[in-house]
Amino acid sequence: MPLHLLHQISKVTLPITITDPQEISTLRKLRSVHQLAVLLPSPCAKKPFARVLAITREGREALSRFDASPR
């Protein structure tokens, strides 16, 4: 799932804002492995949102190995 979201993000113009709680959780995982530059909400935020700023070199490398075809 994290690479699917990373792939989706790679198809849009950055920066973008994400408000879906599950996607924000996935963004935390992608940031933890240095694949995204992203501003994340505080865990106690009333209206959480994340701001994706860039895909890092590590993220681009992961995308180059990612097969986006449906299974």
PDB file of N, CA and C in Angstrom:
ATOM      1  N   MET A   1       0.806  -1.205   0.000  1.00  0.00           N
ATOM      2  CA  MET A   1       0.000   0.000   0.000  1.00  0.00           C
ATOM      3  C   MET A   1       0.850   1.271   0.000  1.00  0.00           C
ATOM      4  N   PRO A   2       1.928   1.364   0.780  1.00  0.00           N
ATOM      5  CA  PRO A   2       2.697   2.599   0.750  1.00  0.00           C
ATOM      6  C   PRO A   2       3.220   2.948  -0.648  1.00  0.00           C
ATOM      7  N   LEU A   3       3.690   1.940  -1.393  1.00  0.00           N
ATOM      8  CA  LEU A   3       4.206   2.249  -2.723  1.00  0.00           C
ATOM      9  C   LEU A   3       3.096   2.625  -3.688  1.00  0.00           C
ATOM     10  N   HIS A   4       1.897   2.109  -3.482  1.00  0.00           N
ATOM     11  CA  HIS A   4       0.768   2.527  -4.322  1.00  0.00           C
ATOM     12  C   HIS A   4       0.486   4.015  -4.107  1.00  0.00           C
ATOM     13  N   LEU A   5       0.483   4.451  -2.863  1.00  0.00           N
ATOM     14  CA  LEU A   5       0.248   5.867  -2.575  1.00  0.00           C
ATOM     15  C   LEU A   5       1.398   6.703  -3.125  1.00  0.00           C
ATOM     16  N   LEU A   6       2.624   6.238  -2.966  1.00  0.00           N
ATOM     17  CA  LEU A   6       3.773   6.955  -3.503  1.00  0.00           C
ATOM     18  C   LEU A   6       3.647   7.087  -5.019  1.00  0.00           C
ATOM     19  N   HIS A   7       3.212   6.036  -5.676  1.00  0.00           N
ATOM     20  CA  HIS A   7       2.998   6.067  -7.124  1.00  0.00           C
ATOM     21  C   HIS A   7       1.928   7.097  -7.487  1.00  0.00           C
ATOM     22  N   GLN A   8       0.823   7.119  -6.747  1.00  0.00           N
ATOM     23  CA  GLN A   8      -0.238   8.101  -7.007  1.00  0.00           C
ATOM     24  C   GLN A   8       0.286   9.528  -6.831  1.00  0.00           C
ATOM     25  N   ILE A   9       1.058   9.727  -5.792  1.00  0.00           N
ATOM     26  CA  ILE A   9       1.623  11.052  -5.527  1.00  0.00           C
ATOM     27  C   ILE A   9       2.564  11.468  -6.655  1.00  0.00           C
ATOM     28  N   SER A  10       3.279  10.510  -7.219  1.00  0.00           N
ATOM     29  CA  SER A  10       4.231  10.833  -8.286  1.00  0.00           C
ATOM     30  C   SER A  10       3.546  11.336  -9.549  1.00  0.00           C
ATOM     31  N   LYS A  11       2.250  11.131  -9.667  1.00  0.00           N
ATOM     32  CA  LYS A  11       1.503  11.519 -10.867  1.00  0.00           C
ATOM     33  C   LYS A  11       0.880  12.910 -10.778  1.00  0.00           C
ATOM     34  N   VAL A  12       1.013  13.584  -9.639  1.00  0.00           N
ATOM     35  CA  VAL A  12       0.397  14.907  -9.468  1.00  0.00           C
ATOM     36  C   VAL A  12       1.477  15.965  -9.226  1.00  0.00           C
ATOM     37  N   THR A  13       1.087  17.204  -9.384  1.00  0.00           N
ATOM     38  CA  THR A  13       1.987  18.326  -9.119  1.00  0.00           C
ATOM     39  C   THR A  13       2.030  18.580  -7.612  1.00  0.00           C
ATOM     40  N   LEU A  14       3.234  18.625  -7.079  1.00  0.00           N
ATOM     41  CA  LEU A  14       3.416  18.870  -5.650  1.00  0.00           C
ATOM     42  C   LEU A  14       3.653  20.346  -5.408  1.00  0.00           C
ATOM     43  N   PRO A  15       3.318  20.852  -4.250  1.00  0.00           N
ATOM     44  CA  PRO A  15       2.840  20.160  -3.048  1.00  0.00           C
ATOM     45  C   PRO A  15       1.344  19.852  -3.132  1.00  0.00           C
ATOM     46  N   ILE A  16       0.932  18.857  -2.339  1.00  0.00           N
ATOM     47  CA  ILE A  16      -0.484  18.508  -2.213  1.00  0.00           C
ATOM     48  C   ILE A  16      -0.827  18.351  -0.734  1.00  0.00           C
ATOM     49  N   THR A  17      -2.108  18.488  -0.449  1.00  0.00           N
ATOM     50  CA  THR A  17      -2.617  18.298   0.912  1.00  0.00           C
ATOM     51  C   THR A  17      -3.442  17.029   0.940  1.00  0.00           C
ATOM     52  N   ILE A  18      -3.213  16.220   1.967  1.00  0.00           N
ATOM     53  CA  ILE A  18      -3.951  14.967   2.153  1.00  0.00           C
ATOM     54  C   ILE A  18      -4.639  15.019   3.501  1.00  0.00           C
ATOM     55  N   THR A  19      -5.931  14.666   3.509  1.00  0.00           N
ATOM     56  CA  THR A  19      -6.712  14.715   4.753  1.00  0.00           C
ATOM     57  C   THR A  19      -7.217  13.355   5.209  1.00  0.00           C
ATOM     58  N   ASP A  20      -7.118  12.347   4.371  1.00  0.00           N
ATOM     59  CA  ASP A  20      -7.605  11.015   4.743  1.00  0.00           C
ATOM     60  C   ASP A  20      -6.703  10.415   5.830  1.00  0.00           C
ATOM     61  N   PRO A  21      -7.278  10.019   6.977  1.00  0.00           N
ATOM     62  CA  PRO A  21      -6.458   9.497   8.084  1.00  0.00           C
ATOM     63  C   PRO A  21      -5.619   8.271   7.712  1.00  0.00           C
ATOM     64  N   GLN A  22      -6.162   7.373   6.905  1.00  0.00           N
ATOM     65  CA  GLN A  22      -5.381   6.192   6.509  1.00  0.00           C
ATOM     66  C   GLN A  22      -4.207   6.580   5.624  1.00  0.00           C
ATOM     67  N   GLU A  23      -4.447   7.516   4.717  1.00  0.00           N
ATOM     68  CA  GLU A  23      -3.354   7.963   3.856  1.00  0.00           C
ATOM     69  C   GLU A  23      -2.300   8.719   4.660  1.00  0.00           C
ATOM     70  N   ILE A  24      -2.724   9.469   5.654  1.00  0.00           N
ATOM     71  CA  ILE A  24      -1.760  10.158   6.517  1.00  0.00           C
ATOM     72  C   ILE A  24      -0.899   9.137   7.253  1.00  0.00           C
ATOM     73  N   SER A  25      -1.499   8.069   7.698  1.00  0.00           N
ATOM     74  CA  SER A  25      -0.740   6.996   8.352  1.00  0.00           C
ATOM     75  C   SER A  25       0.295   6.405   7.388  1.00  0.00           C
ATOM     76  N   THR A  26      -0.110   6.217   6.146  1.00  0.00           N
ATOM     77  CA  THR A  26       0.812   5.697   5.130  1.00  0.00           C
ATOM     78  C   THR A  26       1.922   6.701   4.847  1.00  0.00           C
ATOM     79  N   LEU A  27       1.595   7.983   4.846  1.00  0.00           N
ATOM     80  CA  LEU A  27       2.621   9.014   4.649  1.00  0.00           C
ATOM     81  C   LEU A  27       3.654   8.964   5.768  1.00  0.00           C
ATOM     82  N   ARG A  28       3.212   8.682   6.989  1.00  0.00           N
ATOM     83  CA  ARG A  28       4.163   8.542   8.108  1.00  0.00           C
ATOM     84  C   ARG A  28       5.165   7.426   7.822  1.00  0.00           C
ATOM     85  N   LYS A  29       4.665   6.313   7.271  1.00  0.00           N
ATOM     86  CA  LYS A  29       5.554   5.182   6.931  1.00  0.00           C
ATOM     87  C   LYS A  29       6.528   5.581   5.832  1.00  0.00           C
ATOM     88  N   LEU A  30       6.018   6.261   4.802  1.00  0.00           N
ATOM     89  CA  LEU A  30       6.893   6.669   3.699  1.00  0.00           C
ATOM     90  C   LEU A  30       7.951   7.667   4.170  1.00  0.00           C
ATOM     91  N   ARG A  31       7.583   8.559   5.065  1.00  0.00           N
ATOM     92  CA  ARG A  31       8.569   9.503   5.595  1.00  0.00           C
ATOM     93  C   ARG A  31       9.604   8.779   6.455  1.00  0.00           C
ATOM     94  N   SER A  32       9.150   7.775   7.201  1.00  0.00           N
ATOM     95  CA  SER A  32      10.086   7.064   8.088  1.00  0.00           C
ATOM     96  C   SER A  32      11.173   6.319   7.316  1.00  0.00           C
ATOM     97  N   VAL A  33      10.906   5.974   6.062  1.00  0.00           N
ATOM     98  CA  VAL A  33      11.919   5.314   5.232  1.00  0.00           C
ATOM     99  C   VAL A  33      12.514   6.295   4.222  1.00  0.00           C
ATOM    100  N   HIS A  34      12.324   7.604   4.485  1.00  0.00           N
ATOM    101  CA  HIS A  34      12.964   8.686   3.728  1.00  0.00           C
ATOM    102  C   HIS A  34      12.555   8.736   2.263  1.00  0.00           C
ATOM    103  N   GLN A  35      11.303   8.349   1.951  1.00  0.00           N
ATOM    104  CA  GLN A  35      10.851   8.379   0.566  1.00  0.00           C
ATOM    105  C   GLN A  35      10.047   9.628   0.237  1.00  0.00           C
ATOM    106  N   LEU A  36       9.630  10.368   1.258  1.00  0.00           N
ATOM    107  CA  LEU A  36       8.863  11.596   1.055  1.00  0.00           C
ATOM    108  C   LEU A  36       9.339  12.689   1.996  1.00  0.00           C
ATOM    109  N   ALA A  37       9.246  13.924   1.504  1.00  0.00           N
ATOM    110  CA  ALA A  37       9.359  15.093   2.370  1.00  0.00           C
ATOM    111  C   ALA A  37       7.924  15.539   2.605  1.00  0.00           C
ATOM    112  N   VAL A  38       7.465  15.440   3.851  1.00  0.00           N
ATOM    113  CA  VAL A  38       6.056  15.696   4.154  1.00  0.00           C
ATOM    114  C   VAL A  38       5.927  16.335   5.528  1.00  0.00           C
ATOM    115  N   LEU A  39       5.019  17.291   5.629  1.00  0.00           N
ATOM    116  CA  LEU A  39       4.678  17.885   6.920  1.00  0.00           C
ATOM    117  C   LEU A  39       3.483  17.119   7.464  1.00  0.00           C
ATOM    118  N   LEU A  40       3.628  16.552   8.642  1.00  0.00           N
ATOM    119  CA  LEU A  40       2.582  15.703   9.214  1.00  0.00           C
ATOM    120  C   LEU A  40       1.885  16.398  10.377  1.00  0.00           C
ATOM    121  N   PRO A  41       0.615  16.040  10.597  1.00  0.00           N
ATOM    122  CA  PRO A  41      -0.125  16.658  11.694  1.00  0.00           C
ATOM    123  C   PRO A  41       0.280  16.099  13.046  1.00  0.00           C
ATOM    124  N   SER A  42      -0.021  16.857  14.058  1.00  0.00           N
ATOM    125  CA  SER A  42       0.147  16.382  15.423  1.00  0.00           C
ATOM    126  C   SER A  42      -0.855  15.249  15.657  1.00  0.00           C
ATOM    127  N   PRO A  43      -0.509  14.245  16.465  1.00  0.00           N
ATOM    128  CA  PRO A  43      -1.458  13.162  16.734  1.00  0.00           C
ATOM    129  C   PRO A  43      -2.771  13.638  17.355  1.00  0.00           C
ATOM    130  N   CYS A  44      -2.766  14.794  17.994  1.00  0.00           N
ATOM    131  CA  CYS A  44      -3.992  15.285  18.643  1.00  0.00           C
ATOM    132  C   CYS A  44      -4.688  16.378  17.833  1.00  0.00           C
ATOM    133  N   ALA A  45      -4.326  16.540  16.569  1.00  0.00           N
ATOM    134  CA  ALA A  45      -4.946  17.576  15.731  1.00  0.00           C
ATOM    135  C   ALA A  45      -6.435  17.307  15.549  1.00  0.00           C
ATOM    136  N   LYS A  46      -7.240  18.348  15.635  1.00  0.00           N
ATOM    137  CA  LYS A  46      -8.692  18.184  15.488  1.00  0.00           C
ATOM    138  C   LYS A  46      -9.085  17.915  14.045  1.00  0.00           C
ATOM    139  N   LYS A  47      -8.438  18.576  13.112  1.00  0.00           N
ATOM    140  CA  LYS A  47      -8.676  18.361  11.681  1.00  0.00           C
ATOM    141  C   LYS A  47      -7.328  18.045  11.039  1.00  0.00           C
ATOM    142  N   PRO A  48      -6.881  16.791  11.122  1.00  0.00           N
ATOM    143  CA  PRO A  48      -5.542  16.469  10.632  1.00  0.00           C
ATOM    144  C   PRO A  48      -5.429  16.587   9.110  1.00  0.00           C
ATOM    145  N   PHE A  49      -4.292  17.094   8.689  1.00  0.00           N
ATOM    146  CA  PHE A  49      -3.948  17.097   7.279  1.00  0.00           C
ATOM    147  C   PHE A  49      -2.433  17.012   7.170  1.00  0.00           C
ATOM    148  N   ALA A  50      -1.992  16.502   6.044  1.00  0.00           N
ATOM    149  CA  ALA A  50      -0.564  16.409   5.771  1.00  0.00           C
ATOM    150  C   ALA A  50      -0.281  17.157   4.482  1.00  0.00           C
ATOM    151  N   ARG A  51       0.903  17.713   4.401  1.00  0.00           N
ATOM    152  CA  ARG A  51       1.304  18.449   3.201  1.00  0.00           C
ATOM    153  C   ARG A  51       2.515  17.738   2.609  1.00  0.00           C
ATOM    154  N   VAL A  52       2.316  17.114   1.451  1.00  0.00           N
ATOM    155  CA  VAL A  52       3.403  16.413   0.768  1.00  0.00           C
ATOM    156  C   VAL A  52       4.172  17.434  -0.055  1.00  0.00           C
ATOM    157  N   LEU A  53       5.460  17.563   0.229  1.00  0.00           N
ATOM    158  CA  LEU A  53       6.286  18.574  -0.417  1.00  0.00           C
ATOM    159  C   LEU A  53       7.092  18.026  -1.585  1.00  0.00           C
ATOM    160  N   ALA A  54       7.636  16.810  -1.431  1.00  0.00           N
ATOM    161  CA  ALA A  54       8.503  16.263  -2.479  1.00  0.00           C
ATOM    162  C   ALA A  54       8.690  14.768  -2.300  1.00  0.00           C
ATOM    163  N   ILE A  55       9.006  14.122  -3.394  1.00  0.00           N
ATOM    164  CA  ILE A  55       9.446  12.729  -3.358  1.00  0.00           C
ATOM    165  C   ILE A  55      10.969  12.770  -3.340  1.00  0.00           C
ATOM    166  N   THR A  56      11.561  12.083  -2.407  1.00  0.00           N
ATOM    167  CA  THR A  56      13.016  12.109  -2.247  1.00  0.00           C
ATOM    168  C   THR A  56      13.691  11.184  -3.254  1.00  0.00           C
ATOM    169  N   ARG A  57      15.014  11.233  -3.255  1.00  0.00           N
ATOM    170  CA  ARG A  57      15.798  10.337  -4.118  1.00  0.00           C
ATOM    171  C   ARG A  57      15.453   8.883  -3.808  1.00  0.00           C
ATOM    172  N   GLU A  58      15.351   8.556  -2.505  1.00  0.00           N
ATOM    173  CA  GLU A  58      14.997   7.183  -2.117  1.00  0.00           C
ATOM    174  C   GLU A  58      13.612   6.804  -2.630  1.00  0.00           C
ATOM    175  N   GLY A  59      12.690   7.756  -2.596  1.00  0.00           N
ATOM    176  CA  GLY A  59      11.349   7.512  -3.118  1.00  0.00           C
ATOM    177  C   GLY A  59      11.357   7.264  -4.614  1.00  0.00           C
ATOM    178  N   ARG A  60      12.128   8.050  -5.351  1.00  0.00           N
ATOM    179  CA  ARG A  60      12.245   7.859  -6.808  1.00  0.00           C
ATOM    180  C   ARG A  60      12.864   6.500  -7.128  1.00  0.00           C
ATOM    181  N   GLU A  61      13.854   6.099  -6.328  1.00  0.00           N
ATOM    182  CA  GLU A  61      14.468   4.784  -6.542  1.00  0.00           C
ATOM    183  C   GLU A  61      13.459   3.670  -6.285  1.00  0.00           C
ATOM    184  N   ALA A  62      12.649   3.805  -5.240  1.00  0.00           N
ATOM    185  CA  ALA A  62      11.624   2.805  -4.941  1.00  0.00           C
ATOM    186  C   ALA A  62      10.595   2.747  -6.072  1.00  0.00           C
ATOM    187  N   LEU A  63      10.222   3.906  -6.597  1.00  0.00           N
ATOM    188  CA  LEU A  63       9.256   3.945  -7.695  1.00  0.00           C
ATOM    189  C   LEU A  63       9.805   3.293  -8.955  1.00  0.00           C
ATOM    190  N   SER A  64      11.112   3.404  -9.179  1.00  0.00           N
ATOM    191  CA  SER A  64      11.708   2.815 -10.381  1.00  0.00           C
ATOM    192  C   SER A  64      11.638   1.290 -10.347  1.00  0.00           C
ATOM    193  N   ARG A  65      11.519   0.717  -9.138  1.00  0.00           N
ATOM    194  CA  ARG A  65      11.422  -0.743  -8.992  1.00  0.00           C
ATOM    195  C   ARG A  65       9.976  -1.207  -8.820  1.00  0.00           C
ATOM    196  N   PHE A  66       9.049  -0.263  -8.729  1.00  0.00           N
ATOM    197  CA  PHE A  66       7.642  -0.562  -8.436  1.00  0.00           C
ATOM    198  C   PHE A  66       6.885  -0.921  -9.705  1.00  0.00           C
ATOM    199  N   ASP A  67       6.134  -2.020  -9.643  1.00  0.00           N
ATOM    200  CA  ASP A  67       5.269  -2.436 -10.745  1.00  0.00           C
ATOM    201  C   ASP A  67       3.852  -2.002 -10.416  1.00  0.00           C
ATOM    202  N   ALA A  68       3.340  -0.995 -11.122  1.00  0.00           N
ATOM    203  CA  ALA A  68       2.024  -0.431 -10.825  1.00  0.00           C
ATOM    204  C   ALA A  68       0.885  -1.171 -11.513  1.00  0.00           C
ATOM    205  N   SER A  69       1.189  -2.212 -12.256  1.00  0.00           N
ATOM    206  CA  SER A  69       0.114  -2.910 -12.975  1.00  0.00           C
ATOM    207  C   SER A  69      -0.788  -3.638 -11.988  1.00  0.00           C
ATOM    208  N   PRO A  70      -2.106  -3.670 -12.278  1.00  0.00           N
ATOM    209  CA  PRO A  70      -3.042  -4.360 -11.373  1.00  0.00           C
ATOM    210  C   PRO A  70      -2.781  -5.856 -11.352  1.00  0.00           C
ATOM    211  N   ARG A  71      -3.085  -6.445 -10.215  1.00  0.00           N
ATOM    212  CA  ARG A  71      -2.831  -7.904 -10.080  1.00  0.00           C
ATOM    213  C   ARG A  71      -4.096  -8.670 -10.137  1.00  0.00           C
TER     214      ARG A  71
END
